[in-house]
Protein backbone atom coordinates (compact mmCIF):
# COMPACT_ATOMS: atom_id res chain seq x y z
CA MET A 1 167.78 87.33 111.51
CA ALA A 2 167.22 87.07 115.18
CA SER A 3 165.96 83.66 116.54
CA LEU A 4 162.37 83.50 117.62
CA ASN A 5 163.23 82.86 121.25
CA GLU A 6 164.75 86.31 121.37
CA LEU A 7 161.67 87.99 119.88
CA VAL A 8 158.59 86.12 121.40
CA PRO A 9 158.29 84.79 124.99
CA PRO A 10 156.86 81.33 125.76
CA GLY A 11 153.20 80.71 126.73
CA VAL A 12 150.08 82.55 125.31
CA VAL A 13 150.93 85.23 122.73
CA THR A 14 148.65 88.16 121.89
CA GLY A 15 149.09 91.83 120.65
CA ASP A 16 152.54 92.82 119.45
CA ASN A 17 154.18 89.52 120.06
CA LEU A 18 151.64 87.87 117.99
CA LEU A 19 152.25 90.31 115.08
CA VAL A 20 156.09 89.74 115.68
CA LEU A 21 155.34 85.95 115.43
CA PHE A 22 153.62 85.99 112.47
CA LYS A 23 156.16 88.16 110.75
CA HIS A 24 158.85 85.72 111.86
CA ALA A 25 156.98 83.01 110.21
CA ARG A 26 156.36 84.75 106.86
CA ASP A 27 159.92 86.27 106.65
CA ASN A 28 161.63 82.72 107.55
CA GLY A 29 159.26 80.52 105.20
CA TYR A 30 157.29 78.36 107.81
CA ALA A 31 153.72 78.28 108.85
CA ILE A 32 152.01 77.49 112.19
CA PRO A 33 149.49 74.57 112.37
CA ALA A 34 146.15 75.72 113.85
CA VAL A 35 144.28 72.88 115.35
CA ASN A 36 140.84 72.60 116.16
CA CYS A 37 140.11 71.45 119.84
CA THR A 38 137.11 70.17 121.69
CA SER A 39 138.48 69.42 125.15
CA SER A 40 141.34 69.99 127.51
CA SER A 41 142.73 66.58 126.41
CA THR A 42 143.02 67.60 122.59
CA ALA A 43 144.60 70.83 123.60
CA ASN A 44 147.09 69.29 126.00
CA ALA A 45 148.03 67.05 122.94
CA CYS A 46 148.65 69.90 121.06
CA LEU A 47 150.58 71.57 123.52
CA GLU A 48 152.91 68.53 123.94
CA ALA A 49 153.33 68.20 120.32
CA ALA A 50 154.66 71.81 119.91
CA LYS A 51 157.00 71.19 122.92
CA LYS A 52 158.42 68.10 121.40
CA ALA A 53 158.54 69.66 117.86
CA LYS A 54 160.20 72.84 119.11
CA SER A 55 157.33 74.90 117.47
CA PRO A 56 154.82 77.51 118.10
CA VAL A 57 151.23 76.26 117.85
CA ILE A 58 147.78 77.85 117.28
CA ILE A 59 144.91 76.08 119.24
CA GLN A 60 141.65 77.05 117.88
CA VAL A 61 137.80 76.49 118.84
CA SER A 62 134.85 76.26 116.82
CA ASN A 63 131.32 77.23 117.52
CA GLY A 64 130.49 73.50 117.75
CA GLY A 65 133.70 72.93 119.61
CA GLY A 66 132.88 75.76 122.13
CA ALA A 67 129.28 74.17 122.79
CA PHE A 68 130.64 70.98 123.18
CA LEU A 69 133.04 72.26 125.67
CA ALA A 70 130.21 73.81 127.77
CA GLY A 71 128.52 70.56 127.89
CA LYS A 72 126.03 69.11 125.64
CA ALA A 73 123.28 69.32 128.35
CA VAL A 74 123.67 73.20 128.34
CA LYS A 75 120.94 74.48 126.10
CA ASP A 76 121.79 78.26 127.03
CA PRO A 77 122.21 80.41 123.69
CA ASN A 78 125.77 81.48 125.06
CA ALA A 79 126.68 78.04 125.37
CA ALA A 80 129.29 78.24 122.38
CA ALA A 81 130.90 81.40 123.85
CA VAL A 82 130.97 79.98 127.41
CA GLY A 83 132.60 76.86 126.33
CA SER A 84 135.19 78.83 124.15
CA VAL A 85 136.15 80.93 127.23
CA ALA A 86 136.60 77.94 129.13
CA LEU A 87 139.17 76.35 126.77
CA ALA A 88 140.88 79.75 126.55
CA MET A 89 141.08 79.91 130.21
CA HIS A 90 142.41 76.27 130.37
CA ILE A 91 145.07 76.95 127.83
CA ARG A 92 146.19 80.26 129.80
CA SER A 93 146.60 78.03 132.85
CA VAL A 94 149.00 75.70 131.40
CA ALA A 95 150.54 76.91 128.17
CA ALA A 96 153.60 78.27 129.85
CA TYR A 97 154.55 75.06 131.51
CA TYR A 98 155.23 73.56 127.82
CA GLY A 99 157.72 76.41 126.96
CA ILE A 100 156.64 77.43 123.60
CA PRO A 101 154.52 80.10 121.89
CA VAL A 102 150.86 79.62 121.99
CA VAL A 103 148.16 81.52 120.06
CA ILE A 104 144.33 81.05 121.25
CA HIS A 105 142.13 81.50 118.38
CA SER A 106 138.35 81.01 117.30
CA ASP A 107 137.55 79.43 114.05
CA HIS A 108 135.00 80.06 111.32
CA CYS A 109 132.19 82.40 112.14
CA ALA A 110 129.61 82.78 109.76
CA LYS A 111 127.00 85.74 109.74
CA LYS A 112 124.41 83.59 111.74
CA LEU A 113 127.19 82.73 114.40
CA LEU A 114 127.76 86.46 115.11
CA PRO A 115 126.30 86.34 118.55
CA TRP A 116 129.04 83.70 119.57
CA PHE A 117 131.59 86.09 118.31
CA ASP A 118 130.11 88.92 120.28
CA GLY A 119 130.43 86.78 123.47
CA MET A 120 134.15 86.01 123.01
CA LEU A 121 134.82 89.93 122.15
CA ASP A 122 132.88 90.77 125.62
CA ALA A 123 135.25 88.37 127.23
CA ASP A 124 138.18 89.84 125.64
CA LYS A 125 137.20 93.21 126.54
CA GLU A 126 136.56 92.25 130.23
CA PHE A 127 140.15 90.54 130.46
CA PHE A 128 141.60 93.57 128.52
CA ASP A 129 140.18 96.06 130.83
CA LYS A 130 141.64 94.24 134.04
CA TYR A 131 144.95 93.10 132.62
CA GLY A 132 145.65 94.96 129.47
CA GLU A 133 145.66 92.04 127.07
CA PRO A 134 142.88 90.11 125.49
CA LEU A 135 141.65 86.71 126.64
CA PHE A 136 142.06 85.46 122.94
CA GLY A 137 144.98 86.37 120.62
CA SER A 138 142.99 86.20 117.39
CA HIS A 139 139.41 85.68 115.89
CA MET A 140 138.16 84.64 112.59
CA LEU A 141 135.22 85.95 110.46
CA ASP A 142 134.26 83.74 107.73
CA LEU A 143 131.47 85.87 105.84
CA SER A 144 132.56 84.24 102.68
CA GLU A 145 128.80 83.11 101.79
CA GLU A 146 127.90 86.74 101.80
CA PRO A 147 128.54 89.29 98.89
CA ASP A 148 132.22 90.76 99.01
CA GLU A 149 131.10 94.26 99.86
CA GLU A 150 129.09 93.05 103.03
CA ASN A 151 131.65 90.66 103.83
CA ILE A 152 134.30 93.55 103.90
CA ALA A 153 132.25 95.99 105.59
CA ILE A 154 131.11 93.55 108.49
CA CYS A 155 134.80 92.94 108.96
CA VAL A 156 135.72 96.57 109.12
CA GLU A 157 133.13 96.93 111.68
CA TYR A 158 134.44 94.36 113.87
CA PHE A 159 138.17 94.95 113.43
CA LYS A 160 137.64 98.56 114.61
CA LYS A 161 136.45 96.83 117.92
CA MET A 162 139.25 94.56 117.96
CA ALA A 163 142.11 96.90 117.16
CA PRO A 164 142.17 98.63 120.28
CA MET A 165 142.84 95.63 122.09
CA LYS A 166 145.29 94.32 119.36
CA ILE A 167 143.48 91.04 118.48
CA TRP A 168 144.45 89.67 115.53
CA LEU A 169 141.38 89.17 112.85
CA GLU A 170 141.35 86.26 110.37
CA MET A 171 138.93 86.70 107.39
CA GLU A 172 137.82 84.80 104.33
CA ILE A 173 137.00 85.70 101.13
CA GLY A 174 136.32 83.01 98.37
CA ILE A 175 134.74 79.93 99.78
CA THR A 176 136.57 76.84 101.21
CA GLY A 177 134.35 73.66 99.77
CA GLY A 178 133.18 70.69 101.77
CA GLU A 179 131.47 70.67 105.15
CA GLU A 180 132.72 71.61 108.55
CA ASP A 181 130.93 72.09 111.87
CA GLY A 182 127.76 72.88 110.35
CA VAL A 183 128.91 75.08 107.32
CA ASN A 184 128.13 73.20 104.22
CA ASN A 185 129.67 74.33 101.09
CA GLU A 186 129.48 70.85 99.21
CA GLY A 187 127.29 71.95 96.31
CA ILE A 188 128.90 75.44 95.66
CA ASP A 189 129.81 76.79 92.12
CA PRO A 190 133.42 75.66 91.69
CA GLU A 191 134.46 79.12 90.43
CA LYS A 192 133.86 80.53 93.82
CA LEU A 193 136.52 78.16 95.26
CA TYR A 194 139.27 80.24 93.59
CA THR A 195 139.69 83.93 95.05
CA SER A 196 140.94 86.62 92.68
CA PRO A 197 143.91 89.05 93.33
CA GLU A 198 141.42 91.69 93.03
CA GLN A 199 139.18 90.58 95.79
CA VAL A 200 142.19 89.88 98.09
CA TYR A 201 143.34 93.72 97.38
CA SER A 202 139.86 94.88 98.34
CA VAL A 203 140.20 93.21 101.63
CA TYR A 204 143.70 94.60 102.36
CA GLU A 205 142.83 98.08 101.17
CA SER A 206 139.98 98.11 103.66
CA LEU A 207 141.63 96.53 106.88
CA SER A 208 145.26 98.01 106.61
CA LYS A 209 143.81 101.32 107.36
CA ILE A 210 142.78 100.07 110.62
CA SER A 211 145.60 97.81 111.81
CA PRO A 212 148.12 95.50 110.40
CA MET A 213 146.99 92.64 112.59
CA PHE A 214 144.91 90.76 109.97
CA SER A 215 145.30 87.74 107.84
CA ILE A 216 143.30 86.67 104.71
CA ALA A 217 142.10 83.11 103.76
CA ALA A 218 142.06 83.28 100.19
CA ALA A 219 140.66 80.21 98.38
CA PHE A 220 142.72 78.24 95.85
CA GLY A 221 140.42 75.18 95.67
CA ASN A 222 140.54 74.20 99.32
CA VAL A 223 138.19 71.69 100.54
CA HIS A 224 137.40 70.80 104.34
CA GLY A 225 137.95 67.28 105.20
CA VAL A 226 139.99 64.48 103.43
CA TYR A 227 139.12 63.33 99.70
CA LYS A 228 140.45 61.03 97.00
CA PRO A 229 143.25 62.25 95.04
CA GLY A 230 142.14 64.04 91.78
CA ASN A 231 138.74 65.02 93.34
CA VAL A 232 139.91 68.43 94.48
CA LYS A 233 142.34 70.65 92.14
CA LEU A 234 144.24 72.95 94.51
CA SER A 235 146.05 75.87 93.00
CA PRO A 236 148.46 77.25 95.79
CA GLU A 237 150.44 79.00 93.10
CA ARG A 238 147.57 81.57 92.87
CA LEU A 239 148.56 82.72 96.39
CA GLY A 240 151.66 84.16 94.87
CA HIS A 241 149.61 86.09 92.22
CA HIS A 242 147.80 87.87 95.24
CA GLN A 243 150.93 88.88 96.96
CA ALA A 244 152.34 90.23 93.46
CA HIS A 245 149.20 92.31 93.07
CA THR A 246 148.97 93.76 96.46
CA LYS A 247 152.82 94.46 96.35
CA LYS A 248 152.18 96.34 92.85
CA MET A 249 149.38 98.28 94.27
CA ILE A 250 150.74 99.48 97.56
CA GLY A 251 154.35 99.85 96.40
CA SER A 252 155.44 97.64 99.01
CA GLY A 253 159.29 96.56 99.30
CA LEU A 254 158.16 93.14 100.69
CA GLU A 255 157.99 90.23 98.50
CA LYS A 256 154.99 88.95 100.55
CA PRO A 257 153.02 91.99 102.12
CA ILE A 258 149.85 89.78 102.89
CA PHE A 259 149.59 87.42 105.73
CA LEU A 260 147.86 84.45 104.18
CA VAL A 261 146.02 81.47 105.68
CA MET A 262 145.32 77.85 104.40
CA HIS A 263 142.24 76.16 105.04
CA GLY A 264 141.32 72.53 104.32
CA GLY A 265 144.92 71.49 105.21
CA SER A 266 143.87 67.80 105.86
CA GLY A 267 144.41 65.53 102.90
CA SER A 268 146.59 68.09 100.99
CA THR A 269 149.88 66.90 99.43
CA ASP A 270 153.33 67.95 100.83
CA ASP A 271 153.96 69.73 97.58
CA GLU A 272 150.80 71.67 97.91
CA ILE A 273 151.34 72.67 101.46
CA LYS A 274 155.10 73.64 100.56
CA THR A 275 154.01 75.87 97.68
CA ALA A 276 151.36 77.67 99.97
CA VAL A 277 153.82 78.25 102.44
CA SER A 278 156.43 79.52 100.08
CA ASN A 279 153.65 82.22 98.87
CA GLY A 280 153.16 83.49 102.31
CA VAL A 281 150.81 81.19 104.10
CA ILE A 282 151.80 81.75 108.00
CA LYS A 283 148.83 79.44 109.28
CA MET A 284 147.26 76.20 108.10
CA ASN A 285 144.20 74.79 109.63
CA ILE A 286 144.22 71.19 110.49
CA ASP A 287 141.04 69.24 111.89
CA THR A 288 139.91 66.36 109.97
CA ASP A 289 143.38 64.59 110.18
CA THR A 290 143.89 65.16 113.91
CA GLN A 291 140.15 63.96 114.87
CA TRP A 292 141.11 60.71 112.82
CA SER A 293 144.41 60.41 114.80
CA TYR A 294 142.65 61.02 118.11
CA TRP A 295 140.09 58.22 117.30
CA ASP A 296 142.91 55.89 115.83
CA GLY A 297 144.82 55.90 118.92
CA LEU A 298 141.87 54.68 120.97
CA ARG A 299 140.66 52.19 118.18
CA ILE A 300 144.18 50.54 118.35
CA PHE A 301 144.15 50.25 122.06
CA GLU A 302 140.61 48.88 122.15
CA LYS A 303 141.63 46.09 119.63
CA GLU A 304 144.71 45.11 121.57
CA LYS A 305 142.99 45.12 124.99
CA ARG A 306 139.64 44.09 123.96
CA ASP A 307 139.48 40.92 126.34
CA TYR A 308 140.42 43.37 129.20
CA LEU A 309 137.71 45.65 128.46
CA GLN A 310 134.55 43.50 128.70
CA ALA A 311 134.00 43.73 132.42
CA GLN A 312 135.48 44.92 135.66
CA ILE A 313 136.57 41.88 136.78
CA GLY A 314 138.10 38.76 134.73
CA ASN A 315 140.43 38.71 131.59
CA PRO A 316 142.54 36.21 130.04
CA THR A 317 145.03 36.18 132.98
CA GLY A 318 142.30 35.01 135.52
CA ALA A 319 138.78 35.23 136.30
CA ASP A 320 139.18 37.20 139.32
CA LYS A 321 141.72 39.83 137.92
CA PRO A 322 140.58 43.29 137.82
CA ASN A 323 140.74 45.44 134.50
CA LYS A 324 140.70 49.07 136.17
CA LYS A 325 144.20 49.78 134.62
CA PHE A 326 142.70 49.08 131.24
CA TYR A 327 139.39 50.99 131.61
CA ASP A 328 140.59 53.85 133.67
CA PRO A 329 139.82 56.84 131.18
CA ARG A 330 143.38 58.19 132.01
CA VAL A 331 144.77 55.14 130.22
CA TRP A 332 142.72 55.09 127.01
CA ILE A 333 142.34 58.68 126.57
CA ARG A 334 146.06 59.08 126.77
CA LYS A 335 146.36 56.80 124.06
CA ALA A 336 144.28 58.96 121.85
CA GLU A 337 146.49 61.74 123.01
CA GLU A 338 149.67 60.29 121.88
CA ALA A 339 148.34 59.37 118.48
CA MET A 340 147.14 63.06 118.33
CA VAL A 341 150.59 64.32 119.34
CA THR A 342 152.14 62.38 116.56
CA ARG A 343 149.89 63.69 113.82
CA VAL A 344 150.40 67.33 114.90
CA GLU A 345 154.09 66.83 114.89
CA THR A 346 153.83 65.68 111.45
CA SER A 347 152.03 68.85 110.38
CA MET A 348 154.65 71.08 112.23
CA ASP A 349 157.36 69.01 110.12
CA LYS A 350 155.40 69.67 106.94
CA LEU A 351 154.92 73.23 107.53
CA ASN A 352 158.75 73.88 108.48
CA SER A 353 157.92 75.23 111.92
CA LYS A 354 159.57 72.31 113.70
CA GLY A 355 162.92 73.51 115.33
CA THR A 356 162.12 77.07 115.42
CA TYR A 357 161.75 77.71 119.24
CA GLU A 358 163.67 76.30 121.92
CA PRO A 359 161.31 75.32 124.85
CA LYS A 360 161.73 77.46 127.99
CA THR A 361 159.83 76.51 131.16
CA GLU A 362 161.79 78.47 133.77
CA GLY A 363 159.63 80.43 135.84
CA ALA A 364 156.47 79.32 134.27
CA THR A 365 153.21 80.45 135.88
CA PRO A 366 149.44 80.47 134.79
CA GLN A 367 148.72 83.51 132.40
CA LEU A 368 145.37 84.32 134.09
CA GLY A 369 146.05 87.96 134.30
CA SER A 370 148.16 90.46 136.33
CA LEU A 371 146.84 93.95 137.09
CA LYS A 372 147.71 96.95 134.53
CA ASN A 373 149.55 99.75 135.83
CA PRO A 374 147.03 101.85 137.87
CA ASN A 375 146.73 105.63 137.12
CA PRO A 376 148.63 108.27 139.49
CA ILE A 377 145.41 108.93 141.38
CA THR A 378 145.01 105.36 142.52
CA LEU A 379 148.68 105.32 143.69
CA VAL A 380 148.21 108.69 145.67
CA CYS A 381 144.82 107.53 147.38
CA LEU A 382 146.65 104.23 148.31
CA GLY A 383 149.63 106.17 149.82
CA ALA A 384 147.20 108.23 151.82
CA LEU A 385 145.45 105.13 153.05
CA LEU A 386 148.86 103.81 154.11
CA GLY A 387 149.80 106.82 155.99
CA SER A 388 146.36 106.94 157.79
CA ALA A 389 146.81 103.42 159.10
CA VAL A 390 150.24 104.17 160.19
CA MET A 391 149.07 107.25 162.14
CA LEU A 392 146.37 105.38 163.78
CA ILE A 393 148.70 103.15 165.48
CA LEU A 394 151.05 105.88 166.65
CA LYS A 395 148.12 107.81 168.02
CA ASN A 396 147.04 104.90 170.04
CA ILE A 397 150.42 104.25 171.45
CA LEU A 398 151.01 107.95 172.39
CA THR A 399 147.53 108.72 174.07
CA THR A 400 146.92 105.83 176.18
CA THR A 401 147.78 105.04 179.79
CA LEU A 402 150.18 101.64 180.38
CA SER A 403 147.31 99.49 181.08
CA GLU A 404 145.08 100.74 178.39
CA PHE A 405 148.19 100.26 175.91
CA ILE A 406 148.49 96.58 177.05
CA LYS A 407 144.61 96.08 176.49
CA THR A 408 144.83 97.57 172.90
CA GLN A 409 147.67 95.39 171.91
CA ALA A 410 145.28 93.04 170.35
CA ILE A 411 144.23 95.67 167.81
CA VAL A 412 147.85 96.20 166.80
CA PRO A 413 148.41 92.75 165.24
CA VAL A 414 145.11 93.54 163.17
CA VAL A 415 146.19 96.94 162.05
CA SER A 416 149.54 95.77 161.25
CA THR A 417 147.93 93.14 159.04
CA VAL A 418 146.26 95.65 157.11
CA VAL A 419 149.26 97.69 156.64
CA ASP A 420 151.18 94.94 155.28
CA GLU A 421 148.44 94.02 152.86
CA LEU A 422 148.04 97.29 151.75
CA THR A 423 151.98 97.72 151.24
CA GLU A 424 151.84 94.22 149.26
CA LEU A 425 149.21 95.60 146.96
CA ALA A 426 151.07 98.95 146.44
CA THR A 427 154.05 96.82 145.48
CA GLU A 428 152.02 94.68 143.10
CA LEU A 429 150.72 97.91 141.40
């Protein structure tokens, strides 16, 4: 089996490379942690953890996280999409400098949040039309609260829009319990927390006709958040039943033909995670535990340095001593980041993704887009424009007297500059 470094470049991963990445995870028995981020700071912590652990990482944004990123003072109905796009642009600006594969993903989108999804797809389309790849690599539709038929139908509708841009679709069938980011399933019928093999196959049958770039979050008792041991009954072995049923129905030679996703990863035991990964889970969401770790890093710092954080001037070392080096946001935010880095590394270790990618930062640049190859008509027009500029200069030289030529020399550098710029543009194209 080829190493992941040979198959997938570092930096933001989309399209065919994303499919290769998830296939590599499935075929080699590891999953990639998907961490909810609400700021450039939390995103950077994930990137740092991935570099240290030598692992791919998925950075995801929720509707509420996107709105927070835009700023709580922004009341525009498109705020969540604006903030989500802002995070994607930040990640694209810095990801390659960490030297590992990074997937930009949007998390749970319920039916009532579809305008947010539409806004992100519009941004994907605009980016794709300019640069030949989408802004995000992956999006999730969570229509699990709707009847299965409607859930699948809406997924099909959106997947047909996404497939031409090679955007990955994650969908959920069966319900993840608990509450996350305004989606509350705490009082749900327990039976709905377990997806059947038939339900999973119905999704596979519908989406596989469009593209292979999709994954299924099948419920096996998952609950968002953390919980006391014994309060939740996870059955990750059920995921194996889904794989076996679909394998039989399609006559696949693959033991695990479905890309599966695990939600509610926070609070799960090591054995539960291991069983889920062994049954084809290639992505596990983590939010609650990383939220706590970020806060915990700050909490510990504040407790240790409390006497230095009560005023700008004055601390145990002297009444006139300044405290700037303690209350500077770069100091205490960094403590929060360091704690989150450690927790994300722990997830990578549990999911077996640690050590799967040797970081490579040589030649790193921001991934904010490079122009697609133009059509031949564009090149012909550009060539004609270059030729006209050169002929203009030659005509000027041949048809003027010496004194007139000297006077017109001020024009030549300007025209020459235009020619140089057009030549550079032609080279880039």
